[in-house]
Amino acid sequence: MTDEHFMRQWTDGHERFSADVDKGLARLRRIIEAAYGEPHADGASKTTEAMLAGLAATAVTVVVFASTVMVTTAGIPLA
């Protein structure tokens, strides 16, 4: 039952979560471009976006995995 509840919440919030991640990556790209003072060519920009999206996906996966382990093993000594 808990799994079903989690999946329903994830499905309901996934579009908003994805949109927020896209906005965050776009903001990060603008900050990086401003820091270096020169906009990148379209090809480089798409490559940079893809790289940052991959890094963000990895970070989110690690956070979700770690929080799941912490929740499911609460009170159980792991070592």
PDB file of N, CA and C in Angstrom:
ATOM      1  N   MET A   1       0.824  -1.194   0.000  1.00  0.00           N
ATOM      2  CA  MET A   1       0.000   0.000   0.000  1.00  0.00           C
ATOM      3  C   MET A   1       0.871   1.261   0.000  1.00  0.00           C
ATOM      4  N   THR A   2       1.943   1.211   0.752  1.00  0.00           N
ATOM      5  CA  THR A   2       2.842   2.364   0.798  1.00  0.00           C
ATOM      6  C   THR A   2       3.454   2.619  -0.574  1.00  0.00           C
ATOM      7  N   ASP A   3       3.834   1.549  -1.285  1.00  0.00           N
ATOM      8  CA  ASP A   3       4.405   1.700  -2.616  1.00  0.00           C
ATOM      9  C   ASP A   3       3.407   2.337  -3.576  1.00  0.00           C
ATOM     10  N   GLU A   4       2.163   1.906  -3.500  1.00  0.00           N
ATOM     11  CA  GLU A   4       1.134   2.475  -4.369  1.00  0.00           C
ATOM     12  C   GLU A   4       0.936   3.956  -4.070  1.00  0.00           C
ATOM     13  N   HIS A   5       0.915   4.306  -2.797  1.00  0.00           N
ATOM     14  CA  HIS A   5       0.749   5.706  -2.397  1.00  0.00           C
ATOM     15  C   HIS A   5       1.925   6.545  -2.918  1.00  0.00           C
ATOM     16  N   PHE A   6       3.139   6.027  -2.748  1.00  0.00           N
ATOM     17  CA  PHE A   6       4.329   6.730  -3.229  1.00  0.00           C
ATOM     18  C   PHE A   6       4.270   6.934  -4.734  1.00  0.00           C
ATOM     19  N   MET A   7       3.905   5.896  -5.477  1.00  0.00           N
ATOM     20  CA  MET A   7       3.857   5.996  -6.929  1.00  0.00           C
ATOM     21  C   MET A   7       2.785   6.985  -7.400  1.00  0.00           C
ATOM     22  N   ARG A   8       1.667   7.020  -6.705  1.00  0.00           N
ATOM     23  CA  ARG A   8       0.626   7.993  -7.079  1.00  0.00           C
ATOM     24  C   ARG A   8       1.111   9.420  -6.838  1.00  0.00           C
ATOM     25  N   GLN A   9       1.777   9.648  -5.712  1.00  0.00           N
ATOM     26  CA  GLN A   9       2.313  10.983  -5.438  1.00  0.00           C
ATOM     27  C   GLN A   9       3.371  11.356  -6.474  1.00  0.00           C
ATOM     28  N   TRP A  10       4.242  10.409  -6.820  1.00  0.00           N
ATOM     29  CA  TRP A  10       5.284  10.680  -7.804  1.00  0.00           C
ATOM     30  C   TRP A  10       4.663  11.022  -9.154  1.00  0.00           C
ATOM     31  N   THR A  11       3.653  10.264  -9.569  1.00  0.00           N
ATOM     32  CA  THR A  11       3.003  10.507 -10.858  1.00  0.00           C
ATOM     33  C   THR A  11       2.314  11.867 -10.868  1.00  0.00           C
ATOM     34  N   ASP A  12       1.666  12.222  -9.763  1.00  0.00           N
ATOM     35  CA  ASP A  12       0.974  13.508  -9.692  1.00  0.00           C
ATOM     36  C   ASP A  12       1.946  14.686  -9.750  1.00  0.00           C
ATOM     37  N   GLY A  13       3.112  14.546  -9.144  1.00  0.00           N
ATOM     38  CA  GLY A  13       4.039  15.667  -9.057  1.00  0.00           C
ATOM     39  C   GLY A  13       5.169  15.650 -10.062  1.00  0.00           C
ATOM     40  N   HIS A  14       5.220  14.639 -10.934  1.00  0.00           N
ATOM     41  CA  HIS A  14       6.360  14.489 -11.828  1.00  0.00           C
ATOM     42  C   HIS A  14       6.477  15.629 -12.836  1.00  0.00           C
ATOM     43  N   GLU A  15       5.379  16.070 -13.424  1.00  0.00           N
ATOM     44  CA  GLU A  15       5.442  17.155 -14.416  1.00  0.00           C
ATOM     45  C   GLU A  15       5.969  18.438 -13.790  1.00  0.00           C
ATOM     46  N   ARG A  16       5.464  18.764 -12.614  1.00  0.00           N
ATOM     47  CA  ARG A  16       5.924  19.979 -11.934  1.00  0.00           C
ATOM     48  C   ARG A  16       7.399  19.854 -11.561  1.00  0.00           C
ATOM     49  N   PHE A  17       7.795  18.686 -11.059  1.00  0.00           N
ATOM     50  CA  PHE A  17       9.179  18.453 -10.689  1.00  0.00           C
ATOM     51  C   PHE A  17      10.088  18.616 -11.901  1.00  0.00           C
ATOM     52  N   SER A  18       9.708  18.034 -13.029  1.00  0.00           N
ATOM     53  CA  SER A  18      10.515  18.133 -14.244  1.00  0.00           C
ATOM     54  C   SER A  18      10.609  19.580 -14.724  1.00  0.00           C
ATOM     55  N   ALA A  19       9.506  20.307 -14.650  1.00  0.00           N
ATOM     56  CA  ALA A  19       9.516  21.712 -15.062  1.00  0.00           C
ATOM     57  C   ALA A  19      10.436  22.531 -14.150  1.00  0.00           C
ATOM     58  N   ASP A  20      10.401  22.256 -12.851  1.00  0.00           N
ATOM     59  CA  ASP A  20      11.273  22.968 -11.919  1.00  0.00           C
ATOM     60  C   ASP A  20      12.742  22.659 -12.177  1.00  0.00           C
ATOM     61  N   VAL A  21      13.054  21.409 -12.491  1.00  0.00           N
ATOM     62  CA  VAL A  21      14.436  21.039 -12.814  1.00  0.00           C
ATOM     63  C   VAL A  21      14.877  21.754 -14.085  1.00  0.00           C
ATOM     64  N   ASP A  22      14.013  21.822 -15.102  1.00  0.00           N
ATOM     65  CA  ASP A  22      14.344  22.525 -16.341  1.00  0.00           C
ATOM     66  C   ASP A  22      14.605  24.004 -16.081  1.00  0.00           C
ATOM     67  N   LYS A  23      13.767  24.632 -15.245  1.00  0.00           N
ATOM     68  CA  LYS A  23      13.973  26.046 -14.910  1.00  0.00           C
ATOM     69  C   LYS A  23      15.299  26.239 -14.182  1.00  0.00           C
ATOM     70  N   GLY A  24      15.600  25.341 -13.262  1.00  0.00           N
ATOM     71  CA  GLY A  24      16.854  25.437 -12.521  1.00  0.00           C
ATOM     72  C   GLY A  24      18.068  25.288 -13.416  1.00  0.00           C
ATOM     73  N   LEU A  25      18.007  24.352 -14.366  1.00  0.00           N
ATOM     74  CA  LEU A  25      19.116  24.178 -15.302  1.00  0.00           C
ATOM     75  C   LEU A  25      19.273  25.396 -16.207  1.00  0.00           C
ATOM     76  N   ALA A  26      18.168  25.977 -16.641  1.00  0.00           N
ATOM     77  CA  ALA A  26      18.239  27.177 -17.478  1.00  0.00           C
ATOM     78  C   ALA A  26      18.858  28.335 -16.692  1.00  0.00           C
ATOM     79  N   ARG A  27      18.493  28.464 -15.423  1.00  0.00           N
ATOM     80  CA  ARG A  27      19.071  29.519 -14.587  1.00  0.00           C
ATOM     81  C   ARG A  27      20.564  29.278 -14.378  1.00  0.00           C
ATOM     82  N   LEU A  28      20.942  28.034 -14.141  1.00  0.00           N
ATOM     83  CA  LEU A  28      22.350  27.697 -13.962  1.00  0.00           C
ATOM     84  C   LEU A  28      23.139  28.000 -15.235  1.00  0.00           C
ATOM     85  N   ARG A  29      22.554  27.692 -16.385  1.00  0.00           N
ATOM     86  CA  ARG A  29      23.220  27.994 -17.654  1.00  0.00           C
ATOM     87  C   ARG A  29      23.426  29.493 -17.825  1.00  0.00           C
ATOM     88  N   ARG A  30      22.415  30.293 -17.478  1.00  0.00           N
ATOM     89  CA  ARG A  30      22.560  31.748 -17.583  1.00  0.00           C
ATOM     90  C   ARG A  30      23.647  32.264 -16.652  1.00  0.00           C
ATOM     91  N   ILE A  31      23.730  31.698 -15.448  1.00  0.00           N
ATOM     92  CA  ILE A  31      24.759  32.113 -14.493  1.00  0.00           C
ATOM     93  C   ILE A  31      26.148  31.771 -15.030  1.00  0.00           C
ATOM     94  N   ILE A  32      26.299  30.577 -15.586  1.00  0.00           N
ATOM     95  CA  ILE A  32      27.593  30.163 -16.133  1.00  0.00           C
ATOM     96  C   ILE A  32      27.971  31.037 -17.319  1.00  0.00           C
ATOM     97  N   GLU A  33      27.010  31.319 -18.203  1.00  0.00           N
ATOM     98  CA  GLU A  33      27.299  32.176 -19.354  1.00  0.00           C
ATOM     99  C   GLU A  33      27.674  33.578 -18.911  1.00  0.00           C
ATOM    100  N   ALA A  34      27.004  34.104 -17.885  1.00  0.00           N
ATOM    101  CA  ALA A  34      27.321  35.437 -17.388  1.00  0.00           C
ATOM    102  C   ALA A  34      28.710  35.463 -16.750  1.00  0.00           C
ATOM    103  N   ALA A  35      29.084  34.389 -16.075  1.00  0.00           N
ATOM    104  CA  ALA A  35      30.382  34.330 -15.415  1.00  0.00           C
ATOM    105  C   ALA A  35      31.520  34.334 -16.424  1.00  0.00           C
ATOM    106  N   TYR A  36      31.327  33.670 -17.561  1.00  0.00           N
ATOM    107  CA  TYR A  36      32.383  33.613 -18.567  1.00  0.00           C
ATOM    108  C   TYR A  36      32.283  34.755 -19.565  1.00  0.00           C
ATOM    109  N   GLY A  37      31.182  35.506 -19.531  1.00  0.00           N
ATOM    110  CA  GLY A  37      31.059  36.711 -20.337  1.00  0.00           C
ATOM    111  C   GLY A  37      30.797  36.506 -21.812  1.00  0.00           C
ATOM    112  N   GLU A  38      30.625  35.289 -22.260  1.00  0.00           N
ATOM    113  CA  GLU A  38      30.358  35.083 -23.680  1.00  0.00           C
ATOM    114  C   GLU A  38      29.355  33.955 -23.856  1.00  0.00           C
ATOM    115  N   PRO A  39      28.313  34.196 -24.619  1.00  0.00           N
ATOM    116  CA  PRO A  39      27.357  33.121 -24.876  1.00  0.00           C
ATOM    117  C   PRO A  39      27.983  32.062 -25.770  1.00  0.00           C
ATOM    118  N   HIS A  40      27.570  30.844 -25.580  1.00  0.00           N
ATOM    119  CA  HIS A  40      28.099  29.737 -26.368  1.00  0.00           C
ATOM    120  C   HIS A  40      27.311  29.602 -27.658  1.00  0.00           C
ATOM    121  N   ALA A  41      27.905  28.939 -28.626  1.00  0.00           N
ATOM    122  CA  ALA A  41      27.202  28.641 -29.873  1.00  0.00           C
ATOM    123  C   ALA A  41      26.060  27.678 -29.564  1.00  0.00           C
ATOM    124  N   ASP A  42      25.094  27.577 -30.460  1.00  0.00           N
ATOM    125  CA  ASP A  42      23.928  26.727 -30.220  1.00  0.00           C
ATOM    126  C   ASP A  42      24.311  25.285 -29.926  1.00  0.00           C
ATOM    127  N   GLY A  43      25.246  24.725 -30.676  1.00  0.00           N
ATOM    128  CA  GLY A  43      25.661  23.339 -30.454  1.00  0.00           C
ATOM    129  C   GLY A  43      26.277  23.152 -29.079  1.00  0.00           C
ATOM    130  N   ALA A  44      27.123  24.085 -28.668  1.00  0.00           N
ATOM    131  CA  ALA A  44      27.765  23.985 -27.354  1.00  0.00           C
ATOM    132  C   ALA A  44      26.731  24.156 -26.250  1.00  0.00           C
ATOM    133  N   SER A  45      25.758  25.025 -26.482  1.00  0.00           N
ATOM    134  CA  SER A  45      24.725  25.248 -25.479  1.00  0.00           C
ATOM    135  C   SER A  45      23.904  23.984 -25.261  1.00  0.00           C
ATOM    136  N   LYS A  46      23.558  23.303 -26.332  1.00  0.00           N
ATOM    137  CA  LYS A  46      22.783  22.064 -26.215  1.00  0.00           C
ATOM    138  C   LYS A  46      23.607  20.987 -25.529  1.00  0.00           C
ATOM    139  N   THR A  47      24.907  20.946 -25.835  1.00  0.00           N
ATOM    140  CA  THR A  47      25.780  19.979 -25.183  1.00  0.00           C
ATOM    141  C   THR A  47      25.876  20.274 -23.693  1.00  0.00           C
ATOM    142  N   THR A  48      26.013  21.544 -23.357  1.00  0.00           N
ATOM    143  CA  THR A  48      26.097  21.945 -21.953  1.00  0.00           C
ATOM    144  C   THR A  48      24.794  21.608 -21.233  1.00  0.00           C
ATOM    145  N   GLU A  49      23.677  21.878 -21.884  1.00  0.00           N
ATOM    146  CA  GLU A  49      22.384  21.543 -21.280  1.00  0.00           C
ATOM    147  C   GLU A  49      22.262  20.050 -21.034  1.00  0.00           C
ATOM    148  N   ALA A  50      22.682  19.249 -21.990  1.00  0.00           N
ATOM    149  CA  ALA A  50      22.599  17.799 -21.839  1.00  0.00           C
ATOM    150  C   ALA A  50      23.494  17.325 -20.699  1.00  0.00           C
ATOM    151  N   MET A  51      24.689  17.888 -20.597  1.00  0.00           N
ATOM    152  CA  MET A  51      25.606  17.512 -19.526  1.00  0.00           C
ATOM    153  C   MET A  51      25.032  17.887 -18.159  1.00  0.00           C
ATOM    154  N   LEU A  52      24.521  19.103 -18.056  1.00  0.00           N
ATOM    155  CA  LEU A  52      23.944  19.536 -16.778  1.00  0.00           C
ATOM    156  C   LEU A  52      22.698  18.730 -16.426  1.00  0.00           C
ATOM    157  N   ALA A  53      21.906  18.372 -17.431  1.00  0.00           N
ATOM    158  CA  ALA A  53      20.730  17.546 -17.174  1.00  0.00           C
ATOM    159  C   ALA A  53      21.149  16.171 -16.662  1.00  0.00           C
ATOM    160  N   GLY A  54      22.200  15.613 -17.222  1.00  0.00           N
ATOM    161  CA  GLY A  54      22.707  14.329 -16.750  1.00  0.00           C
ATOM    162  C   GLY A  54      23.227  14.411 -15.323  1.00  0.00           C
ATOM    163  N   LEU A  55      23.959  15.482 -15.018  1.00  0.00           N
ATOM    164  CA  LEU A  55      24.455  15.661 -13.656  1.00  0.00           C
ATOM    165  C   LEU A  55      23.309  15.855 -12.663  1.00  0.00           C
ATOM    166  N   ALA A  56      22.295  16.615 -13.074  1.00  0.00           N
ATOM    167  CA  ALA A  56      21.142  16.821 -12.195  1.00  0.00           C
ATOM    168  C   ALA A  56      20.393  15.514 -11.972  1.00  0.00           C
ATOM    169  N   ALA A  57      20.236  14.722 -13.026  1.00  0.00           N
ATOM    170  CA  ALA A  57      19.552  13.434 -12.883  1.00  0.00           C
ATOM    171  C   ALA A  57      20.323  12.510 -11.948  1.00  0.00           C
ATOM    172  N   THR A  58      21.645  12.525 -12.048  1.00  0.00           N
ATOM    173  CA  THR A  58      22.471  11.711 -11.153  1.00  0.00           C
ATOM    174  C   THR A  58      22.326  12.170  -9.716  1.00  0.00           C
ATOM    175  N   ALA A  59      22.361  13.473  -9.493  1.00  0.00           N
ATOM    176  CA  ALA A  59      22.233  14.007  -8.139  1.00  0.00           C
ATOM    177  C   ALA A  59      20.868  13.671  -7.541  1.00  0.00           C
ATOM    178  N   VAL A  60      19.820  13.819  -8.328  1.00  0.00           N
ATOM    179  CA  VAL A  60      18.476  13.508  -7.839  1.00  0.00           C
ATOM    180  C   VAL A  60      18.360  12.019  -7.522  1.00  0.00           C
ATOM    181  N   THR A  61      18.940  11.172  -8.356  1.00  0.00           N
ATOM    182  CA  THR A  61      18.898   9.737  -8.111  1.00  0.00           C
ATOM    183  C   THR A  61      19.609   9.384  -6.810  1.00  0.00           C
ATOM    184  N   VAL A  62      20.759   9.990  -6.569  1.00  0.00           N
ATOM    185  CA  VAL A  62      21.500   9.727  -5.334  1.00  0.00           C
ATOM    186  C   VAL A  62      20.700  10.184  -4.124  1.00  0.00           C
ATOM    187  N   VAL A  63      20.087  11.352  -4.204  1.00  0.00           N
ATOM    188  CA  VAL A  63      19.291  11.860  -3.080  1.00  0.00           C
ATOM    189  C   VAL A  63      18.090  10.962  -2.816  1.00  0.00           C
ATOM    190  N   VAL A  64      17.395  10.558  -3.871  1.00  0.00           N
ATOM    191  CA  VAL A  64      16.232   9.685  -3.694  1.00  0.00           C
ATOM    192  C   VAL A  64      16.660   8.342  -3.105  1.00  0.00           C
ATOM    193  N   PHE A  65      17.764   7.776  -3.606  1.00  0.00           N
ATOM    194  CA  PHE A  65      18.250   6.503  -3.094  1.00  0.00           C
ATOM    195  C   PHE A  65      18.645   6.620  -1.620  1.00  0.00           C
ATOM    196  N   ALA A  66      19.398   7.651  -1.287  1.00  0.00           N
ATOM    197  CA  ALA A  66      19.845   7.819   0.100  1.00  0.00           C
ATOM    198  C   ALA A  66      18.665   8.039   1.040  1.00  0.00           C
ATOM    199  N   SER A  67      17.698   8.845   0.627  1.00  0.00           N
ATOM    200  CA  SER A  67      16.545   9.081   1.499  1.00  0.00           C
ATOM    201  C   SER A  67      15.703   7.823   1.652  1.00  0.00           C
ATOM    202  N   THR A  68      15.600   7.026   0.592  1.00  0.00           N
ATOM    203  CA  THR A  68      14.857   5.770   0.682  1.00  0.00           C
ATOM    204  C   THR A  68      15.548   4.808   1.644  1.00  0.00           C
ATOM    205  N   VAL A  69      16.862   4.724   1.570  1.00  0.00           N
ATOM    206  CA  VAL A  69      17.608   3.856   2.490  1.00  0.00           C
ATOM    207  C   VAL A  69      17.428   4.335   3.918  1.00  0.00           C
ATOM    208  N   MET A  70      17.484   5.642   4.143  1.00  0.00           N
ATOM    209  CA  MET A  70      17.326   6.178   5.494  1.00  0.00           C
ATOM    210  C   MET A  70      15.934   5.891   6.045  1.00  0.00           C
ATOM    211  N   VAL A  71      14.921   5.999   5.211  1.00  0.00           N
ATOM    212  CA  VAL A  71      13.550   5.761   5.668  1.00  0.00           C
ATOM    213  C   VAL A  71      13.311   4.273   5.934  1.00  0.00           C
ATOM    214  N   THR A  72      13.778   3.422   5.032  1.00  0.00           N
ATOM    215  CA  THR A  72      13.491   1.995   5.175  1.00  0.00           C
ATOM    216  C   THR A  72      14.341   1.315   6.233  1.00  0.00           C
ATOM    217  N   THR A  73      15.476   1.896   6.582  1.00  0.00           N
ATOM    218  CA  THR A  73      16.348   1.261   7.582  1.00  0.00           C
ATOM    219  C   THR A  73      16.377   2.049   8.886  1.00  0.00           C
ATOM    220  N   ALA A  74      15.364   2.855   9.133  1.00  0.00           N
ATOM    221  CA  ALA A  74      15.333   3.644  10.364  1.00  0.00           C
ATOM    222  C   ALA A  74      15.358   2.720  11.573  1.00  0.00           C
ATOM    223  N   GLY A  75      16.328   2.915  12.432  1.00  0.00           N
ATOM    224  CA  GLY A  75      16.436   2.126  13.652  1.00  0.00           C
ATOM    225  C   GLY A  75      17.154   0.810  13.485  1.00  0.00           C
ATOM    226  N   ILE A  76      17.599   0.495  12.277  1.00  0.00           N
ATOM    227  CA  ILE A  76      18.326  -0.760  12.020  1.00  0.00           C
ATOM    228  C   ILE A  76      19.799  -0.423  11.861  1.00  0.00           C
ATOM    229  N   PRO A  77      20.661  -0.996  12.692  1.00  0.00           N
ATOM    230  CA  PRO A  77      22.087  -0.721  12.519  1.00  0.00           C
ATOM    231  C   PRO A  77      22.597  -1.347  11.216  1.00  0.00           C
ATOM    232  N   LEU A  78      23.256  -0.551  10.388  1.00  0.00           N
ATOM    233  CA  LEU A  78      23.706  -1.030   9.093  1.00  0.00           C
ATOM    234  C   LEU A  78      25.119  -1.600   9.122  1.00  0.00           C
ATOM    235  N   ALA A  79      25.863  -1.299  10.157  1.00  0.00           N
ATOM    236  CA  ALA A  79      27.255  -1.786  10.193  1.00  0.00           C
ATOM    237  C   ALA A  79      27.481  -2.694  11.377  1.00  0.00           C
TER     238      ALA A  79
END
